[in-house]
Amino acid sequence: MTSRRTKPAASALPLERPSDALVTLGLRRLIAQKHSDTSKGVSPEWALFFELRSGTGHGPRTAYVDALALNLWPSKQHWRVAYELKASRADFLRELAKPEKRSWAMEIAHEFWYVCYPGVAKPEEIPQGCGLMVADESLSKLKKTVQAPQRQVRELTMTEVAAFARKSQ
């Protein structure tokens, strides 16, 4: 009589962590879903920009934000929400070490969020003035862990408006 080997059930196998590139794509998709009409995949209410620069030229004063959502309805005062996406703990810690990196987004966005994969950021590490959303391991849902405070922001400059326009092309 021979013994038959069986594979362990798929649910018993530990999930392998996706690559940073796949995590980033998943986080981007979740942000896009948050600002879209789920029936059509687009929204008349929001414009969403990924990898947005503060201007249209290159130079040492150019700042970046991973994602910025702009509300297009005047009744919502053109609310702006900035997102910094973090796929790895090392990337998050580098970000914390350079608070000036987020200063432009903090000036122009009513809310600033770190959006992370599980285990990347601890709630107590989130800088004042920022919020934290954490994705689940399957990158199918976001959970607000630290609420981002809402703040008054300055008006956009024409250079910044030009950067938005260029990114939209």
C-alpha atoms as a PDB file:
ATOM      1  CA  MET A   1       0.000   0.000   0.000  1.00  0.00           C
ATOM      2  CA  THR A   2       1.421   3.377  -0.966  1.00  0.00           C
ATOM      3  CA  SER A   3       1.007   6.557   0.990  1.00  0.00           C
ATOM      4  CA  ARG A   4      -0.518   9.529  -0.784  1.00  0.00           C
ATOM      5  CA  ARG A   5       0.832  12.968  -0.024  1.00  0.00           C
ATOM      6  CA  THR A   6      -1.601  15.813   0.030  1.00  0.00           C
ATOM      7  CA  LYS A   7      -0.890  19.475  -0.396  1.00  0.00           C
ATOM      8  CA  PRO A   8      -1.680  21.703   2.549  1.00  0.00           C
ATOM      9  CA  ALA A   9      -4.827  23.747   2.123  1.00  0.00           C
ATOM     10  CA  ALA A  10      -4.204  27.057   0.384  1.00  0.00           C
ATOM     11  CA  SER A  11      -5.552  28.926   3.398  1.00  0.00           C
ATOM     12  CA  ALA A  12      -2.878  27.311   5.590  1.00  0.00           C
ATOM     13  CA  LEU A  13      -0.027  28.755   3.526  1.00  0.00           C
ATOM     14  CA  PRO A  14       1.292  32.117   4.690  1.00  0.00           C
ATOM     15  CA  LEU A  15       0.728  34.971   2.283  1.00  0.00           C
ATOM     16  CA  GLU A  16       3.890  36.194   0.643  1.00  0.00           C
ATOM     17  CA  ARG A  17       4.289  39.947   0.836  1.00  0.00           C
ATOM     18  CA  PRO A  18       3.953  41.547  -2.599  1.00  0.00           C
ATOM     19  CA  SER A  19       6.858  43.556  -4.001  1.00  0.00           C
ATOM     20  CA  ASP A  20       7.058  47.262  -3.189  1.00  0.00           C
ATOM     21  CA  ALA A  21       6.113  48.036  -6.794  1.00  0.00           C
ATOM     22  CA  LEU A  22       2.950  45.917  -6.563  1.00  0.00           C
ATOM     23  CA  VAL A  23       2.083  47.422  -3.172  1.00  0.00           C
ATOM     24  CA  THR A  24       2.435  50.926  -4.608  1.00  0.00           C
ATOM     25  CA  LEU A  25       0.185  50.031  -7.553  1.00  0.00           C
ATOM     26  CA  GLY A  26      -2.369  48.601  -5.133  1.00  0.00           C
ATOM     27  CA  LEU A  27      -2.273  51.722  -2.951  1.00  0.00           C
ATOM     28  CA  ARG A  28      -2.714  53.920  -6.030  1.00  0.00           C
ATOM     29  CA  ARG A  29      -5.721  51.847  -7.085  1.00  0.00           C
ATOM     30  CA  LEU A  30      -7.305  52.238  -3.637  1.00  0.00           C
ATOM     31  CA  ILE A  31      -6.842  56.027  -3.719  1.00  0.00           C
ATOM     32  CA  ALA A  32      -8.326  56.126  -7.234  1.00  0.00           C
ATOM     33  CA  GLN A  33     -11.336  54.112  -6.038  1.00  0.00           C
ATOM     34  CA  LYS A  34     -11.795  56.480  -3.113  1.00  0.00           C
ATOM     35  CA  HIS A  35     -12.144  59.411  -5.522  1.00  0.00           C
ATOM     36  CA  SER A  36     -14.228  57.764  -8.248  1.00  0.00           C
ATOM     37  CA  ASP A  37     -17.821  56.976  -9.007  1.00  0.00           C
ATOM     38  CA  THR A  38     -17.742  53.202  -8.592  1.00  0.00           C
ATOM     39  CA  SER A  39     -20.280  52.631 -11.370  1.00  0.00           C
ATOM     40  CA  LYS A  40     -18.149  54.362 -14.023  1.00  0.00           C
ATOM     41  CA  GLY A  41     -14.629  54.445 -12.579  1.00  0.00           C
ATOM     42  CA  VAL A  42     -14.477  58.233 -12.901  1.00  0.00           C
ATOM     43  CA  SER A  43     -15.916  61.078 -10.914  1.00  0.00           C
ATOM     44  CA  PRO A  44     -17.286  64.442 -11.949  1.00  0.00           C
ATOM     45  CA  GLU A  45     -16.514  65.602  -8.410  1.00  0.00           C
ATOM     46  CA  TRP A  46     -12.767  64.857  -8.149  1.00  0.00           C
ATOM     47  CA  ALA A  47      -9.654  65.261 -10.281  1.00  0.00           C
ATOM     48  CA  LEU A  48      -6.865  62.946  -9.152  1.00  0.00           C
ATOM     49  CA  PHE A  49      -3.195  63.516  -9.945  1.00  0.00           C
ATOM     50  CA  PHE A  50      -0.413  61.015  -9.264  1.00  0.00           C
ATOM     51  CA  GLU A  51       3.220  62.100  -8.880  1.00  0.00           C
ATOM     52  CA  LEU A  52       2.293  65.769  -8.978  1.00  0.00           C
ATOM     53  CA  ARG A  53       5.065  68.361  -9.072  1.00  0.00           C
ATOM     54  CA  SER A  54       4.829  71.875  -7.662  1.00  0.00           C
ATOM     55  CA  GLY A  55       5.816  73.459 -10.962  1.00  0.00           C
ATOM     56  CA  THR A  56       6.456  72.856 -14.631  1.00  0.00           C
ATOM     57  CA  GLY A  57      10.220  73.375 -14.642  1.00  0.00           C
ATOM     58  CA  HIS A  58      13.099  71.515 -13.061  1.00  0.00           C
ATOM     59  CA  GLY A  59      15.080  72.929 -10.220  1.00  0.00           C
ATOM     60  CA  PRO A  60      16.076  72.522  -6.608  1.00  0.00           C
ATOM     61  CA  ARG A  61      12.807  74.049  -5.353  1.00  0.00           C
ATOM     62  CA  THR A  62      10.533  71.588  -7.138  1.00  0.00           C
ATOM     63  CA  ALA A  63       8.444  69.571  -4.691  1.00  0.00           C
ATOM     64  CA  TYR A  64       6.456  66.397  -5.300  1.00  0.00           C
ATOM     65  CA  VAL A  65       3.478  64.600  -3.817  1.00  0.00           C
ATOM     66  CA  ASP A  66       2.558  60.994  -4.612  1.00  0.00           C
ATOM     67  CA  ALA A  67      -1.117  61.829  -5.147  1.00  0.00           C
ATOM     68  CA  LEU A  68      -3.367  64.848  -4.858  1.00  0.00           C
ATOM     69  CA  ALA A  69      -7.150  64.864  -5.191  1.00  0.00           C
ATOM     70  CA  LEU A  70      -8.834  68.148  -6.096  1.00  0.00           C
ATOM     71  CA  ASN A  71     -12.561  68.545  -5.529  1.00  0.00           C
ATOM     72  CA  LEU A  72     -14.067  70.230  -8.590  1.00  0.00           C
ATOM     73  CA  TRP A  73     -17.267  71.454  -6.952  1.00  0.00           C
ATOM     74  CA  PRO A  74     -17.343  75.085  -5.795  1.00  0.00           C
ATOM     75  CA  SER A  75     -19.804  74.074  -3.058  1.00  0.00           C
ATOM     76  CA  LYS A  76     -16.995  71.955  -1.537  1.00  0.00           C
ATOM     77  CA  GLN A  77     -14.559  74.916  -1.757  1.00  0.00           C
ATOM     78  CA  HIS A  78     -12.296  72.919  -4.134  1.00  0.00           C
ATOM     79  CA  TRP A  79     -11.121  70.735  -1.236  1.00  0.00           C
ATOM     80  CA  ARG A  80      -7.641  69.289  -1.746  1.00  0.00           C
ATOM     81  CA  VAL A  81      -6.351  66.026  -0.263  1.00  0.00           C
ATOM     82  CA  ALA A  82      -2.665  64.984  -0.463  1.00  0.00           C
ATOM     83  CA  TYR A  83      -1.461  61.399  -0.197  1.00  0.00           C
ATOM     84  CA  GLU A  84       2.021  60.049   0.408  1.00  0.00           C
ATOM     85  CA  LEU A  85       2.131  56.327  -0.454  1.00  0.00           C
ATOM     86  CA  LYS A  86       4.489  54.097   1.505  1.00  0.00           C
ATOM     87  CA  ALA A  87       5.112  50.486   0.534  1.00  0.00           C
ATOM     88  CA  SER A  88       8.030  49.796   2.876  1.00  0.00           C
ATOM     89  CA  ARG A  89       9.087  50.663   6.393  1.00  0.00           C
ATOM     90  CA  ALA A  90      12.459  51.963   5.157  1.00  0.00           C
ATOM     91  CA  ASP A  91      10.750  54.388   2.758  1.00  0.00           C
ATOM     92  CA  PHE A  92       8.444  55.612   5.523  1.00  0.00           C
ATOM     93  CA  LEU A  93      11.364  56.200   7.917  1.00  0.00           C
ATOM     94  CA  ARG A  94      13.266  58.140   5.207  1.00  0.00           C
ATOM     95  CA  GLU A  95      10.169  60.289   4.770  1.00  0.00           C
ATOM     96  CA  LEU A  96       9.955  61.034   8.496  1.00  0.00           C
ATOM     97  CA  ALA A  97      13.605  62.109   8.501  1.00  0.00           C
ATOM     98  CA  LYS A  98      12.835  64.821   5.907  1.00  0.00           C
ATOM     99  CA  PRO A  99       9.776  66.793   7.069  1.00  0.00           C
ATOM    100  CA  GLU A 100      10.529  69.473   4.461  1.00  0.00           C
ATOM    101  CA  LYS A 101       9.564  66.934   1.772  1.00  0.00           C
ATOM    102  CA  ARG A 102       5.888  67.180   2.744  1.00  0.00           C
ATOM    103  CA  SER A 103       5.857  70.943   3.400  1.00  0.00           C
ATOM    104  CA  TRP A 104       4.520  71.904  -0.061  1.00  0.00           C
ATOM    105  CA  ALA A 105       1.668  69.404   0.136  1.00  0.00           C
ATOM    106  CA  MET A 106       0.859  70.609   3.666  1.00  0.00           C
ATOM    107  CA  GLU A 107       0.640  74.202   2.347  1.00  0.00           C
ATOM    108  CA  ILE A 108      -1.812  73.435  -0.448  1.00  0.00           C
ATOM    109  CA  ALA A 109      -3.862  70.456   0.837  1.00  0.00           C
ATOM    110  CA  HIS A 110      -6.669  70.647   3.369  1.00  0.00           C
ATOM    111  CA  GLU A 111      -5.764  67.101   4.469  1.00  0.00           C
ATOM    112  CA  PHE A 112      -2.499  65.145   4.295  1.00  0.00           C
ATOM    113  CA  TRP A 113      -2.515  61.348   4.540  1.00  0.00           C
ATOM    114  CA  TYR A 114       0.126  58.647   4.663  1.00  0.00           C
ATOM    115  CA  VAL A 115      -1.270  55.574   2.908  1.00  0.00           C
ATOM    116  CA  CYS A 116       0.629  52.437   3.868  1.00  0.00           C
ATOM    117  CA  TYR A 117       0.809  48.688   3.622  1.00  0.00           C
ATOM    118  CA  PRO A 118       0.308  46.883   6.979  1.00  0.00           C
ATOM    119  CA  GLY A 119       3.328  47.113   9.287  1.00  0.00           C
ATOM    120  CA  VAL A 120       4.914  50.061   7.472  1.00  0.00           C
ATOM    121  CA  ALA A 121       3.895  52.819   9.915  1.00  0.00           C
ATOM    122  CA  LYS A 122       2.780  52.913  13.534  1.00  0.00           C
ATOM    123  CA  PRO A 123       0.022  55.363  14.495  1.00  0.00           C
ATOM    124  CA  GLU A 124       2.221  56.996  17.144  1.00  0.00           C
ATOM    125  CA  GLU A 125       4.853  57.790  14.480  1.00  0.00           C
ATOM    126  CA  ILE A 126       2.544  59.894  12.323  1.00  0.00           C
ATOM    127  CA  PRO A 127       3.644  63.552  12.402  1.00  0.00           C
ATOM    128  CA  GLN A 128       1.303  66.180  13.758  1.00  0.00           C
ATOM    129  CA  GLY A 129      -0.988  67.500  11.046  1.00  0.00           C
ATOM    130  CA  CYS A 130      -1.001  64.201   9.122  1.00  0.00           C
ATOM    131  CA  GLY A 131      -3.321  61.216   8.976  1.00  0.00           C
ATOM    132  CA  LEU A 132      -2.740  57.515   8.384  1.00  0.00           C
ATOM    133  CA  MET A 133      -4.667  55.050   6.234  1.00  0.00           C
ATOM    134  CA  VAL A 134      -3.575  51.426   6.212  1.00  0.00           C
ATOM    135  CA  ALA A 135      -4.487  48.962   3.488  1.00  0.00           C
ATOM    136  CA  ASP A 136      -5.340  45.377   4.273  1.00  0.00           C
ATOM    137  CA  GLU A 137      -2.852  42.703   3.169  1.00  0.00           C
ATOM    138  CA  SER A 138      -4.849  41.935   0.022  1.00  0.00           C
ATOM    139  CA  LEU A 139      -4.799  45.629  -0.972  1.00  0.00           C
ATOM    140  CA  SER A 140      -8.578  45.647  -1.303  1.00  0.00           C
ATOM    141  CA  LYS A 141      -9.577  48.091   1.470  1.00  0.00           C
ATOM    142  CA  LEU A 142      -8.248  51.148   3.284  1.00  0.00           C
ATOM    143  CA  LYS A 143      -8.832  51.822   6.971  1.00  0.00           C
ATOM    144  CA  LYS A 144      -8.370  55.245   8.571  1.00  0.00           C
ATOM    145  CA  THR A 145      -6.084  54.663  11.561  1.00  0.00           C
ATOM    146  CA  VAL A 146      -5.180  58.275  12.420  1.00  0.00           C
ATOM    147  CA  GLN A 147      -7.591  61.003  11.322  1.00  0.00           C
ATOM    148  CA  ALA A 148      -5.952  63.749   9.263  1.00  0.00           C
ATOM    149  CA  PRO A 149      -6.820  67.163  10.677  1.00  0.00           C
ATOM    150  CA  GLN A 150      -8.485  69.608   8.336  1.00  0.00           C
ATOM    151  CA  ARG A 151      -6.724  72.934   7.873  1.00  0.00           C
ATOM    152  CA  GLN A 152      -6.872  76.224   6.046  1.00  0.00           C
ATOM    153  CA  VAL A 153      -4.585  76.381   3.019  1.00  0.00           C
ATOM    154  CA  ARG A 154      -3.207  79.059   0.757  1.00  0.00           C
ATOM    155  CA  GLU A 155      -4.417  79.698  -2.771  1.00  0.00           C
ATOM    156  CA  LEU A 156      -2.627  77.890  -5.589  1.00  0.00           C
ATOM    157  CA  THR A 157      -0.151  79.930  -7.619  1.00  0.00           C
ATOM    158  CA  MET A 158      -0.334  80.066 -11.414  1.00  0.00           C
ATOM    159  CA  THR A 159       2.803  77.904 -11.530  1.00  0.00           C
ATOM    160  CA  GLU A 160       1.003  75.252  -9.462  1.00  0.00           C
ATOM    161  CA  VAL A 161      -2.130  75.524 -11.618  1.00  0.00           C
ATOM    162  CA  ALA A 162       0.105  75.034 -14.693  1.00  0.00           C
ATOM    163  CA  ALA A 163       1.592  71.911 -13.055  1.00  0.00           C
ATOM    164  CA  PHE A 164      -1.923  70.514 -12.521  1.00  0.00           C
ATOM    165  CA  ALA A 165      -2.824  71.304 -16.124  1.00  0.00           C
ATOM    166  CA  ARG A 166       0.327  69.681 -17.467  1.00  0.00           C
ATOM    167  CA  LYS A 167      -0.268  66.556 -15.392  1.00  0.00           C
ATOM    168  CA  SER A 168      -3.836  66.303 -16.698  1.00  0.00           C
ATOM    169  CA  GLN A 169      -2.699  66.073 -20.356  1.00  0.00           C
END
